[in-house]
Amino acid sequence: MRILVACERSGVVRDAFLARGHDAVSADLVESEVAGPHITADALTVAHSEAWDMMIAFPPCQHLSVSGARWFAAKRSDGRQQRALQFVRDLMDAPVPKIAIENPVGIISTQIRRPDQIIQPYHFGHDASKTTCLWLTNLPPLMATGIIVKHRYANQTASGQNKLGPSPTRAMDRARTYQGIADAMAFQWG
């Protein structure tokens, strides 16, 4: 299959599909962190410019995620939130037969539609918690591949918050897809 992995700079999902023999390309406004088929351009333009069998999109979450809710009023007043929501709508409406949109818990659920599935890294063999929503078009929900059950996962503080402290790479580190989830996507959807 020809697969577009939109808004991905890490290459994790793209490379999982490549490893299974698919023609997978990532697209983002910035260069890929690792070598591989990548288009440095607006992912929505790429989705409309070629024929794709599937698109898995990771739209930026900084204006959508509930973790930034205390800044929502400012983001609404200057239009950032509305532009972010429109980008998600446009990705959902792209001319691609199979689409998965990934984002953390946030306002997509109330402003566009509820997710089709909510997953956690610990469903896919990782000692980590990160509630992740999937909006699916013509794709089945992912089946767990290795559930880990703990009171507190390795990436959590005692209060349940993520342990990563402030740093220049924090947002990118938090956004990176867990390998077990990428592998499940490639195996189950590919």
Protein backbone atom coordinates (compact mmCIF):
# COMPACT_ATOMS: atom_id res chain seq x y z
CA MET A 1 0.00 0.00 0.00
CA ARG A 2 0.98 3.66 -0.47
CA ILE A 3 0.87 5.21 2.98
CA LEU A 4 1.25 8.84 3.96
CA VAL A 5 2.31 9.44 7.54
CA ALA A 6 1.31 13.07 7.94
CA CYS A 7 2.88 15.47 10.45
CA GLU A 8 5.52 12.95 11.49
CA ARG A 9 9.12 13.99 11.86
CA SER A 10 10.31 11.06 13.99
CA GLY A 11 9.91 8.43 11.25
CA VAL A 12 8.72 5.83 13.79
CA VAL A 13 5.39 5.02 12.13
CA ARG A 14 6.73 5.44 8.59
CA ASP A 15 9.57 3.03 9.31
CA ALA A 16 7.23 0.45 10.88
CA PHE A 17 5.24 0.35 7.62
CA LEU A 18 8.42 0.28 5.51
CA ALA A 19 9.63 -2.72 7.54
CA ARG A 20 6.44 -4.57 6.52
CA GLY A 21 7.07 -3.87 2.82
CA HIS A 22 4.78 -0.91 2.26
CA ASP A 23 5.52 2.25 0.28
CA ALA A 24 5.39 4.65 3.23
CA VAL A 25 6.34 8.32 3.19
CA SER A 26 6.31 10.81 6.06
CA ALA A 27 5.50 14.47 5.50
CA ASP A 28 6.00 17.44 7.79
CA LEU A 29 6.97 21.10 7.60
CA VAL A 30 10.41 20.17 8.97
CA GLU A 31 12.96 17.56 7.99
CA SER A 32 12.72 14.02 9.32
CA GLU A 33 14.80 13.21 12.40
CA VAL A 34 16.03 10.03 10.69
CA ALA A 35 16.84 9.15 7.10
CA GLY A 36 14.00 7.71 5.05
CA PRO A 37 11.31 8.68 2.56
CA HIS A 38 10.14 12.11 3.70
CA ILE A 39 8.54 15.12 2.06
CA THR A 40 9.27 18.47 3.69
CA ALA A 41 6.01 20.25 2.94
CA ASP A 42 2.53 20.87 4.30
CA ALA A 43 1.07 17.41 4.94
CA LEU A 44 -2.37 18.43 3.75
CA THR A 45 -0.96 19.55 0.40
CA VAL A 46 0.85 16.21 0.11
CA ALA A 47 -2.36 14.32 0.94
CA HIS A 48 -4.11 16.07 -1.95
CA SER A 49 -1.23 15.93 -4.45
CA GLU A 50 -0.85 12.16 -4.87
CA ALA A 51 -2.93 9.00 -4.64
CA TRP A 52 -2.62 7.35 -1.22
CA ASP A 53 -4.22 4.16 0.09
CA MET A 54 -3.95 5.21 3.73
CA MET A 55 -3.01 8.25 5.77
CA ILE A 56 -2.04 8.23 9.42
CA ALA A 57 -1.90 11.81 10.66
CA PHE A 58 -0.46 13.31 13.82
CA PRO A 59 -1.66 16.93 13.70
CA PRO A 60 0.08 19.28 16.14
CA CYS A 61 -1.70 19.15 19.50
CA GLN A 62 -0.45 22.29 21.26
CA HIS A 63 -3.68 24.21 20.55
CA LEU A 64 -6.00 21.21 20.98
CA SER A 65 -4.86 19.13 23.96
CA VAL A 66 -6.44 19.50 27.40
CA SER A 67 -2.96 19.74 28.89
CA GLY A 68 -2.94 23.32 27.57
CA ALA A 69 -6.51 24.18 28.58
CA ARG A 70 -5.44 27.12 30.74
CA TRP A 71 -4.36 28.90 27.52
CA PHE A 72 -7.51 28.03 25.50
CA ALA A 73 -9.12 31.49 25.89
CA ALA A 74 -6.08 33.20 24.38
CA LYS A 75 -5.81 30.58 21.65
CA ARG A 76 -9.47 31.06 20.74
CA SER A 77 -9.24 34.84 20.77
CA ASP A 78 -6.30 34.97 18.36
CA GLY A 79 -7.61 32.15 16.12
CA ARG A 80 -4.92 29.53 16.78
CA GLN A 81 -7.41 27.00 18.10
CA GLN A 82 -9.85 27.47 15.22
CA ARG A 83 -7.03 27.05 12.67
CA ALA A 84 -5.83 23.89 14.44
CA LEU A 85 -9.35 22.44 14.42
CA GLN A 86 -9.80 23.30 10.74
CA PHE A 87 -6.52 21.54 9.94
CA VAL A 88 -7.84 18.40 11.67
CA ARG A 89 -11.15 18.65 9.75
CA ASP A 90 -9.23 19.03 6.49
CA LEU A 91 -7.10 15.98 7.27
CA MET A 92 -10.24 13.97 8.07
CA ASP A 93 -11.72 15.06 4.72
CA ALA A 94 -8.61 14.29 2.64
CA PRO A 95 -9.17 12.17 -0.48
CA VAL A 96 -7.67 9.04 1.08
CA PRO A 97 -9.75 5.85 1.55
CA LYS A 98 -8.32 4.90 4.97
CA ILE A 99 -7.49 7.55 7.54
CA ALA A 100 -6.34 7.53 11.16
CA ILE A 101 -5.95 10.80 13.07
CA GLU A 102 -4.00 10.61 16.35
CA ASN A 103 -4.11 13.22 19.11
CA PRO A 104 -4.18 13.38 22.91
CA VAL A 105 -7.41 13.98 24.78
CA GLY A 106 -8.59 17.44 23.84
CA ILE A 107 -11.18 19.53 22.09
CA ILE A 108 -11.36 17.50 18.87
CA SER A 109 -13.76 15.26 20.80
CA THR A 110 -16.17 18.10 21.54
CA GLN A 111 -15.66 20.34 18.51
CA ILE A 112 -15.52 17.73 15.73
CA ARG A 113 -16.46 14.26 17.01
CA ARG A 114 -15.64 11.74 19.68
CA PRO A 115 -12.69 9.42 18.97
CA ASP A 116 -13.30 5.91 17.69
CA GLN A 117 -10.71 4.51 20.08
CA ILE A 118 -8.59 5.54 23.05
CA ILE A 119 -5.32 3.68 23.51
CA GLN A 120 -2.40 3.66 25.92
CA PRO A 121 1.25 2.68 25.38
CA TYR A 122 0.78 0.04 28.09
CA HIS A 123 -1.68 -1.73 25.74
CA PHE A 124 1.25 -2.28 23.38
CA GLY A 125 4.04 -3.47 25.68
CA HIS A 126 5.39 -0.17 27.03
CA ASP A 127 5.77 0.69 30.70
CA ALA A 128 4.18 4.08 30.06
CA SER A 129 0.89 5.92 30.25
CA LYS A 130 -0.19 8.45 27.58
CA THR A 131 -3.89 8.60 26.78
CA THR A 132 -4.11 8.77 23.00
CA CYS A 133 -7.24 9.17 20.88
CA LEU A 134 -7.73 7.75 17.39
CA TRP A 135 -10.31 8.97 14.87
CA LEU A 136 -10.66 6.25 12.25
CA THR A 137 -12.09 6.13 8.74
CA ASN A 138 -12.38 2.66 7.15
CA LEU A 139 -9.89 1.22 9.67
CA PRO A 140 -10.62 -1.11 12.59
CA PRO A 141 -9.67 -0.22 16.15
CA LEU A 142 -6.22 -1.45 17.14
CA MET A 143 -6.08 -4.61 19.20
CA ALA A 144 -3.77 -4.60 22.22
CA THR A 145 -0.55 -6.55 21.68
CA GLY A 146 0.97 -6.73 25.15
CA ILE A 147 -0.85 -5.24 28.11
CA ILE A 148 1.19 -4.13 31.10
CA VAL A 149 -0.78 -3.49 34.28
CA LYS A 150 0.79 -1.36 37.01
CA HIS A 151 -0.32 1.10 39.66
CA ARG A 152 2.07 3.72 38.27
CA TYR A 153 3.93 3.55 34.98
CA ALA A 154 7.60 4.41 34.53
CA ASN A 155 6.88 7.77 32.88
CA GLN A 156 4.60 9.01 35.69
CA THR A 157 5.13 10.95 38.88
CA ALA A 158 3.27 10.01 42.07
CA SER A 159 0.45 12.39 41.04
CA GLY A 160 0.13 10.65 37.67
CA GLN A 161 1.65 13.49 35.65
CA ASN A 162 4.34 12.89 33.05
CA LYS A 163 7.85 12.96 34.56
CA LEU A 164 9.52 14.89 31.76
CA GLY A 165 10.64 18.23 33.07
CA PRO A 166 10.95 21.41 31.04
CA SER A 167 13.47 21.20 28.22
CA PRO A 168 13.88 22.39 24.64
CA THR A 169 12.97 18.89 23.38
CA ARG A 170 10.11 18.10 25.79
CA ALA A 171 7.30 18.63 23.26
CA MET A 172 9.02 16.47 20.65
CA ASP A 173 9.87 13.77 23.18
CA ARG A 174 6.22 13.65 24.36
CA ALA A 175 4.89 13.61 20.79
CA ARG A 176 7.00 10.68 19.59
CA THR A 177 4.92 7.57 18.87
CA TYR A 178 5.77 4.51 20.94
CA GLN A 179 7.29 1.73 18.86
CA GLY A 180 4.73 -0.84 20.03
CA ILE A 181 1.88 1.37 18.78
CA ALA A 182 3.64 1.97 15.45
CA ASP A 183 4.23 -1.77 15.03
CA ALA A 184 0.58 -2.53 15.81
CA MET A 185 -0.55 0.03 13.23
CA ALA A 186 1.74 -1.46 10.57
CA PHE A 187 0.79 -5.07 11.34
CA GLN A 188 -2.93 -4.62 11.87
CA TRP A 189 -3.68 -1.89 9.32
CA GLY A 190 -1.07 -2.88 6.74
